[in-house]
């Protein structure tokens, strides 16, 4: 069961803030005319979520149980119906919104792709803003240039179940697929990527450390943290980047369980001044930090 956006999202700028220590972006919202309530913007979630506690406080009517995909696998969760979810100029009606524990999510709710579908979502980390805009034609200028054109990098992507997947990427000269998840606190590669990178990296450079990764549904997955000597996403290059590796259910959900793949979290996204995901034009754009006046 998927949440349904019955009103067309419009263009708007959301005033956001980065919540420490997660660094994820949250924005004020109104639910059924009550609020403001701070919700986390999550481009890795195919549907929006509300905390169980908030749903009770607002007295939201229940819906049928729905299957939610966590980092370790699917699970059934209660849902509620929302007559009006207003964020900036966006006002949508959502049915069957899953509810999860506030403690597990670390927030009162998540704004997912059911709100942002077929739109361009731009994260302006320099000014702590998120812009929701109409998708752009390939010949349209996305960002008005005020400096060198080389500071803006456009990367083509393909869509997998509504999610944008970048295929022009590699780590330690291994081709990888990657997608952006603004709701994830840190970047995670799957174990297929870990094995491929390790095969081309000296053990003393890889030096993995065992960790436990926690998801918004309360699930846990064992993983490793290691340093990747080199990585490229489109025209953006990284050196000696520390990241986690684990076989999250998320990779299976996007059909990437057997392909070296990377989930780019807010830790890596936040390195840039700006990141734009255009779901209609199927492109991702990066603006390099500190390069624009």
Protein backbone atom coordinates (compact mmCIF):
# COMPACT_ATOMS: atom_id res chain seq x y z
CA UNK A 1 0.00 0.00 0.00
CA UNK A 2 1.47 3.38 -1.03
CA UNK A 3 0.52 6.79 0.28
CA UNK A 4 -1.33 8.81 -2.34
CA UNK A 5 -0.72 12.50 -3.02
CA UNK A 6 -4.06 13.76 -4.30
CA UNK A 7 -3.06 17.41 -4.84
CA UNK A 8 -0.28 18.39 -7.24
CA UNK A 9 2.81 19.70 -5.39
CA UNK A 10 3.63 23.29 -6.27
CA UNK A 11 6.77 25.38 -6.41
CA UNK A 12 8.12 26.69 -3.11
CA UNK A 13 11.08 27.34 -0.85
CA UNK A 14 11.16 25.66 2.56
CA UNK A 15 13.00 27.31 5.42
CA UNK A 16 14.89 24.49 7.04
CA UNK A 17 17.46 23.82 9.69
CA UNK A 18 20.03 21.11 10.24
CA UNK A 19 19.36 19.13 13.40
CA UNK A 20 22.46 18.20 15.38
CA UNK A 21 23.91 15.66 15.72
CA UNK A 22 22.20 14.08 12.66
CA UNK A 23 22.76 17.08 10.32
CA UNK A 24 19.59 16.09 8.48
CA UNK A 25 17.40 18.93 7.18
CA UNK A 26 14.04 19.50 8.86
CA UNK A 27 11.28 21.92 7.93
CA UNK A 28 8.13 23.24 9.67
CA UNK A 29 4.84 21.73 8.50
CA UNK A 30 1.15 21.91 9.35
CA UNK A 31 -0.92 18.74 9.68
CA UNK A 32 -4.70 19.17 9.52
CA UNK A 33 -4.19 22.84 10.39
CA UNK A 34 -2.13 22.14 13.52
CA UNK A 35 1.52 22.95 14.07
CA UNK A 36 4.09 23.97 13.17
CA UNK A 37 5.64 20.50 13.36
CA UNK A 38 9.23 19.83 12.27
CA UNK A 39 9.56 17.03 9.71
CA UNK A 40 12.75 15.59 8.22
CA UNK A 41 13.16 15.73 4.42
CA UNK A 42 13.94 12.17 3.31
CA UNK A 43 14.62 11.52 -0.39
CA UNK A 44 15.38 7.88 0.42
CA UNK A 45 11.81 7.16 1.60
CA UNK A 46 9.21 6.33 -1.05
CA UNK A 47 6.47 7.46 1.33
CA UNK A 48 6.08 9.97 4.15
CA UNK A 49 5.95 8.80 7.77
CA UNK A 50 4.55 10.30 10.99
CA UNK A 51 5.64 9.39 14.49
CA UNK A 52 3.24 7.25 16.53
CA UNK A 53 3.32 9.83 19.31
CA UNK A 54 2.44 12.73 16.99
CA UNK A 55 -0.40 10.78 15.36
CA UNK A 56 -1.89 10.22 18.83
CA UNK A 57 -1.42 13.87 19.83
CA UNK A 58 -3.20 15.06 16.68
CA UNK A 59 -5.91 12.40 16.89
CA UNK A 60 -5.34 11.27 13.30
CA UNK A 61 -7.84 8.62 12.13
CA UNK A 62 -6.31 5.15 11.66
CA UNK A 63 -5.95 3.38 8.34
CA UNK A 64 -5.16 -0.26 7.51
CA UNK A 65 -1.78 -1.72 8.45
CA UNK A 66 0.82 -1.33 5.69
CA UNK A 67 4.13 -2.90 4.82
CA UNK A 68 7.12 -0.63 5.45
CA UNK A 69 10.62 -1.41 4.23
CA UNK A 70 13.30 -0.97 6.90
CA UNK A 71 17.05 -1.48 6.62
CA UNK A 72 16.71 -5.17 7.61
CA UNK A 73 13.52 -6.01 5.72
CA UNK A 74 9.77 -5.28 5.43
CA UNK A 75 7.48 -5.11 8.44
CA UNK A 76 3.83 -4.29 9.08
CA UNK A 77 3.05 -0.98 10.78
CA UNK A 78 -0.13 0.94 11.65
CA UNK A 79 -1.12 3.86 9.41
CA UNK A 80 -3.14 7.05 9.72
CA UNK A 81 -4.94 9.31 7.23
CA UNK A 82 -3.99 12.96 6.80
CA UNK A 83 -6.47 15.42 5.26
CA UNK A 84 -3.90 18.19 4.88
CA UNK A 85 -0.10 18.08 5.04
CA UNK A 86 1.09 21.61 4.31
CA UNK A 87 4.77 22.38 3.79
CA UNK A 88 5.41 25.84 2.35
CA UNK A 89 3.02 26.17 -0.62
CA UNK A 90 2.65 22.38 -0.88
CA UNK A 91 -0.65 21.06 0.47
CA UNK A 92 -1.36 17.35 -0.05
CA UNK A 93 -3.79 14.77 1.24
CA UNK A 94 -2.18 11.46 2.19
CA UNK A 95 -3.90 8.16 2.90
CA UNK A 96 -2.29 5.26 4.76
CA UNK A 97 0.65 7.19 6.23
CA UNK A 98 2.83 4.73 8.22
CA UNK A 99 3.54 5.52 11.87
CA UNK A 100 6.86 4.73 13.54
CA UNK A 101 8.39 5.45 16.93
CA UNK A 102 9.70 9.00 17.42
CA UNK A 103 12.72 7.57 19.23
CA UNK A 104 13.61 5.28 16.30
CA UNK A 105 13.19 7.98 13.65
CA UNK A 106 14.80 10.75 15.69
CA UNK A 107 12.11 13.13 14.39
CA UNK A 108 8.34 13.72 14.38
CA UNK A 109 8.08 12.54 10.81
CA UNK A 110 9.62 12.10 7.36
CA UNK A 111 8.70 13.84 4.12
CA UNK A 112 9.16 11.22 1.39
CA UNK A 113 8.92 10.89 -2.38
CA UNK A 114 5.11 10.81 -2.27
CA UNK A 115 5.32 14.56 -1.57
CA UNK A 116 8.21 15.33 -3.93
CA UNK A 117 7.44 13.00 -6.85
CA UNK A 118 8.00 14.33 -10.40
CA UNK A 119 9.56 17.52 -9.01
CA UNK A 120 12.98 19.02 -8.57
CA UNK A 121 14.19 19.04 -4.95
CA UNK A 122 17.14 21.35 -4.30
CA UNK A 123 19.08 21.26 -1.03
CA UNK A 124 20.79 24.62 -0.43
CA UNK A 125 23.16 23.74 2.41
CA UNK A 126 24.77 27.17 2.29
CA UNK A 127 21.52 28.93 3.27
CA UNK A 128 19.76 25.99 5.00
CA UNK A 129 16.90 25.95 2.51
CA UNK A 130 15.15 23.36 0.37
CA UNK A 131 13.37 24.38 -2.84
CA UNK A 132 10.60 22.31 -4.39
CA UNK A 133 10.22 23.27 -8.05
CA UNK A 134 8.72 22.02 -11.27
CA UNK A 135 10.89 19.61 -13.23
CA UNK A 136 13.10 21.25 -15.85
CA UNK A 137 13.49 20.40 -19.54
CA UNK A 138 17.03 19.34 -20.53
CA UNK A 139 17.57 22.70 -22.28
CA UNK A 140 16.54 24.76 -19.27
CA UNK A 141 19.18 26.51 -17.14
CA UNK A 142 18.72 25.08 -13.67
CA UNK A 143 20.90 27.42 -11.62
CA UNK A 144 21.74 30.91 -12.78
CA UNK A 145 25.51 31.04 -12.97
CA UNK A 146 27.38 33.76 -11.11
CA UNK A 147 30.81 32.20 -11.42
CA UNK A 148 32.75 29.56 -13.34
CA UNK A 149 30.52 27.01 -15.05
CA UNK A 150 32.78 24.23 -13.79
CA UNK A 151 31.49 24.72 -10.23
CA UNK A 152 28.16 23.07 -11.17
CA UNK A 153 28.25 19.40 -12.11
CA UNK A 154 25.31 17.58 -13.73
CA UNK A 155 25.06 13.79 -13.48
CA UNK A 156 22.53 11.71 -15.42
CA UNK A 157 20.47 9.16 -13.50
CA UNK A 158 17.92 6.40 -14.05
CA UNK A 159 14.75 5.81 -12.04
CA UNK A 160 14.20 2.72 -9.91
CA UNK A 161 10.75 2.62 -8.27
CA UNK A 162 10.70 6.43 -8.22
CA UNK A 163 14.23 6.77 -6.84
CA UNK A 164 17.04 8.35 -8.89
CA UNK A 165 20.11 6.13 -9.32
CA UNK A 166 23.40 7.60 -10.55
CA UNK A 167 25.27 5.12 -12.74
CA UNK A 168 28.30 7.28 -13.65
CA UNK A 169 30.24 6.61 -10.45
CA UNK A 170 33.18 4.50 -9.27
CA UNK A 171 35.19 3.70 -6.14
CA UNK A 172 38.82 2.51 -6.33
CA UNK A 173 38.24 2.20 -10.10
CA UNK A 174 35.22 -0.10 -9.54
CA UNK A 175 31.99 0.96 -11.28
CA UNK A 176 29.20 1.56 -8.73
CA UNK A 177 25.56 2.69 -8.74
CA UNK A 178 24.49 5.22 -6.14
CA UNK A 179 21.41 7.11 -4.93
CA UNK A 180 20.93 10.07 -2.56
CA UNK A 181 19.17 9.58 0.78
CA UNK A 182 18.81 12.86 2.69
CA UNK A 183 17.23 10.96 5.59
CA UNK A 184 20.33 8.81 6.17
CA UNK A 185 22.84 10.20 8.65
CA UNK A 186 25.80 8.57 6.96
CA UNK A 187 26.83 7.13 3.62
CA UNK A 188 26.62 3.33 3.29
CA UNK A 189 27.93 1.02 0.57
CA UNK A 190 26.67 -2.52 0.10
CA UNK A 191 28.89 -5.55 0.68
CA UNK A 192 29.25 -6.13 -3.07
CA UNK A 193 30.96 -2.74 -3.23
CA UNK A 194 33.04 -3.56 -0.15
CA UNK A 195 34.33 -6.78 -1.71
CA UNK A 196 35.08 -5.12 -5.04
CA UNK A 197 36.93 -2.20 -3.43
CA UNK A 198 38.86 -4.46 -1.05
CA UNK A 199 40.06 -6.59 -3.99
CA UNK A 200 41.75 -3.48 -5.40
CA UNK A 201 42.95 -1.99 -2.12
CA UNK A 202 45.75 -2.99 0.20
CA UNK A 203 44.42 -4.36 3.50
CA UNK A 204 46.35 -1.77 5.53
CA UNK A 205 44.47 0.98 3.68
CA UNK A 206 41.05 -0.67 3.98
CA UNK A 207 41.23 -1.52 7.75
CA UNK A 208 37.51 -2.10 8.43
CA UNK A 209 35.95 -1.70 11.92
CA UNK A 210 32.76 -3.55 12.91
CA UNK A 211 29.72 -1.35 13.63
CA UNK A 212 25.95 -1.65 14.08
CA UNK A 213 23.69 0.43 11.82
CA UNK A 214 20.31 1.51 13.20
CA UNK A 215 17.28 2.26 11.02
CA UNK A 216 14.17 4.42 11.42
CA UNK A 217 11.97 1.35 11.98
CA UNK A 218 14.07 0.24 14.96
CA UNK A 219 15.85 -2.48 13.00
CA UNK A 220 19.60 -3.11 13.26
CA UNK A 221 22.10 -4.39 10.71
CA UNK A 222 25.74 -5.40 11.27
CA UNK A 223 28.24 -3.55 9.12
CA UNK A 224 31.77 -2.24 8.80
CA UNK A 225 33.35 1.20 8.61
CA UNK A 226 36.40 1.68 6.40
CA UNK A 227 38.22 4.30 4.37
CA UNK A 228 37.89 4.22 0.58
CA UNK A 229 41.07 5.60 -1.02
CA UNK A 230 39.30 7.19 -4.01
CA UNK A 231 35.75 7.69 -5.23
CA UNK A 232 34.10 9.54 -8.12
CA UNK A 233 30.44 10.50 -8.55
CA UNK A 234 29.99 12.02 -11.98
CA UNK A 235 32.61 14.76 -12.19
CA UNK A 236 33.08 14.96 -8.40
CA UNK A 237 36.16 13.26 -6.94
CA UNK A 238 36.77 12.24 -3.32
CA UNK A 239 39.94 10.92 -1.70
CA UNK A 240 40.28 8.84 1.46
CA UNK A 241 36.56 8.94 2.28
CA UNK A 242 35.43 7.09 5.42
CA UNK A 243 32.12 5.24 5.08
CA UNK A 244 30.09 2.27 6.27
CA UNK A 245 29.38 -0.99 4.44
CA UNK A 246 26.36 -3.23 5.06
CA UNK A 247 23.83 -5.31 3.14
CA UNK A 248 20.85 -3.06 3.89
CA UNK A 249 17.44 -4.17 2.67
CA UNK A 250 17.35 -0.76 0.96
CA UNK A 251 19.72 -2.05 -1.73
CA UNK A 252 17.47 -5.04 -2.41
CA UNK A 253 14.47 -2.71 -2.61
CA UNK A 254 16.14 -0.79 -5.44
CA UNK A 255 17.39 -4.00 -7.14
CA UNK A 256 21.04 -3.32 -6.25
CA UNK A 257 21.81 -6.17 -3.85
CA UNK A 258 24.27 -7.88 -6.22
CA UNK A 259 25.72 -4.75 -7.85
CA UNK A 260 28.41 -2.60 -6.15
CA UNK A 261 26.23 0.25 -4.90
CA UNK A 262 26.31 3.26 -2.61
CA UNK A 263 23.63 5.07 -0.60
CA UNK A 264 24.80 8.69 -0.29
CA UNK A 265 23.77 10.08 3.09
CA UNK A 266 23.58 13.60 4.48
CA UNK A 267 27.23 13.42 5.63
CA UNK A 268 28.40 13.36 1.99
CA UNK A 269 25.63 15.57 0.61
CA UNK A 270 26.49 18.24 3.17
CA UNK A 271 29.99 18.63 1.73
CA UNK A 272 28.41 20.59 -1.14
CA UNK A 273 26.88 24.07 -1.15
CA UNK A 274 23.93 22.72 -3.11
CA UNK A 275 22.53 19.39 -4.33
CA UNK A 276 19.56 19.18 -6.69
CA UNK A 277 17.56 16.06 -7.57
CA UNK A 278 15.30 16.48 -10.60
CA UNK A 279 13.00 13.45 -10.65
CA UNK A 280 11.29 14.55 -13.87
CA UNK A 281 14.44 15.22 -15.92
CA UNK A 282 16.29 12.33 -14.21
CA UNK A 283 19.42 14.28 -13.34
CA UNK A 284 21.31 15.14 -10.16
CA UNK A 285 23.29 18.39 -9.87
CA UNK A 286 26.03 19.29 -7.44
CA UNK A 287 27.46 22.72 -6.63
CA UNK A 288 30.93 22.55 -5.15
CA UNK A 289 31.32 24.21 -1.75
CA UNK A 290 33.08 27.55 -1.47
CA UNK A 291 33.27 28.15 -5.23
CA UNK A 292 30.42 30.61 -5.65
CA UNK A 293 30.32 34.22 -4.32
